Amino acid sequence: MCRALLLKCSPYSTLFLGVAYRAKCYNYLQPRAEEERRLAAKEKKKQGKWKHIERELAEAQDNSIRK
């Protein structure tokens, strides 16, 4: 009787443990991924500023050459 009950409940307990484990991993990794995205956006913004400055310098040099 006890063995049958154990065999019936085993897949469900395994499923529950898997869900609990994944929730723990997700909660651990979520802040790290958020921080990485924030840093990547900051770096992209910085690179965009440099590209804008480079374009302005190139335009200024083209204008000085044309004059």
Protein backbone atom coordinates (compact mmCIF):
# COMPACT_ATOMS: atom_id res chain seq x y z
CA MET A 1 0.00 0.00 0.00
CA CYS A 2 2.68 2.48 1.01
CA ARG A 3 4.83 1.49 -1.95
CA ALA A 4 2.00 2.06 -4.40
CA LEU A 5 1.32 5.48 -2.94
CA LEU A 6 5.03 6.32 -3.16
CA LEU A 7 5.14 5.26 -6.81
CA LYS A 8 2.07 7.32 -7.60
CA CYS A 9 3.40 10.47 -5.92
CA SER A 10 6.99 10.22 -7.12
CA PRO A 11 6.51 11.92 -10.54
CA TYR A 12 4.59 14.79 -8.97
CA SER A 13 7.16 15.36 -6.26
CA THR A 14 9.92 15.31 -8.88
CA LEU A 15 7.98 17.82 -10.97
CA PHE A 16 7.49 20.06 -7.94
CA LEU A 17 11.19 19.89 -7.05
CA GLY A 18 12.11 20.77 -10.64
CA VAL A 19 9.79 23.78 -10.64
CA ALA A 20 11.14 24.94 -7.28
CA TYR A 21 14.73 24.56 -8.50
CA ARG A 22 14.05 26.55 -11.70
CA ALA A 23 12.32 29.30 -9.71
CA LYS A 24 15.37 29.53 -7.46
CA CYS A 25 17.74 29.74 -10.45
CA TYR A 26 15.55 32.33 -12.17
CA ASN A 27 15.42 34.53 -9.09
CA TYR A 28 19.21 34.27 -8.76
CA LEU A 29 19.99 35.04 -12.41
CA GLN A 30 17.37 37.73 -13.05
CA PRO A 31 19.20 40.58 -11.26
CA ARG A 32 22.46 39.68 -12.98
CA ALA A 33 20.88 39.72 -16.43
CA GLU A 34 19.18 43.02 -15.64
CA GLU A 35 22.51 44.54 -14.64
CA GLU A 36 24.18 43.26 -17.82
CA ARG A 37 21.42 44.76 -19.97
CA ARG A 38 21.75 48.08 -18.15
CA LEU A 39 25.53 48.13 -18.69
CA ALA A 40 25.14 47.18 -22.36
CA ALA A 41 22.66 50.02 -22.90
CA LYS A 42 25.01 52.45 -21.18
CA GLU A 43 27.94 51.31 -23.35
CA LYS A 44 25.83 51.55 -26.51
CA LYS A 45 24.81 55.09 -25.60
CA LYS A 46 28.46 56.03 -25.03
CA GLN A 47 29.46 54.55 -28.40
CA GLY A 48 26.62 56.43 -30.07
CA LYS A 49 27.96 59.70 -28.68
CA TRP A 50 31.44 58.94 -29.99
CA LYS A 51 30.09 58.07 -33.44
CA HIS A 52 28.15 61.33 -33.48
CA ILE A 53 31.30 63.29 -32.57
CA GLU A 54 33.29 61.47 -35.25
CA ARG A 55 30.64 62.29 -37.86
CA GLU A 56 30.67 65.96 -36.88
CA LEU A 57 34.47 66.06 -37.14
CA ALA A 58 34.36 64.39 -40.54
CA GLU A 59 31.76 66.90 -41.74
CA ALA A 60 33.84 69.79 -40.41
CA GLN A 61 36.91 68.48 -42.24
CA ASP A 62 34.90 68.05 -45.45
CA ASN A 63 33.57 71.58 -45.15
CA SER A 64 37.06 72.99 -44.54
CA ILE A 65 38.41 71.10 -47.56
CA ARG A 66 35.59 72.33 -49.80
CA LYS A 67 36.13 76.00 -48.88
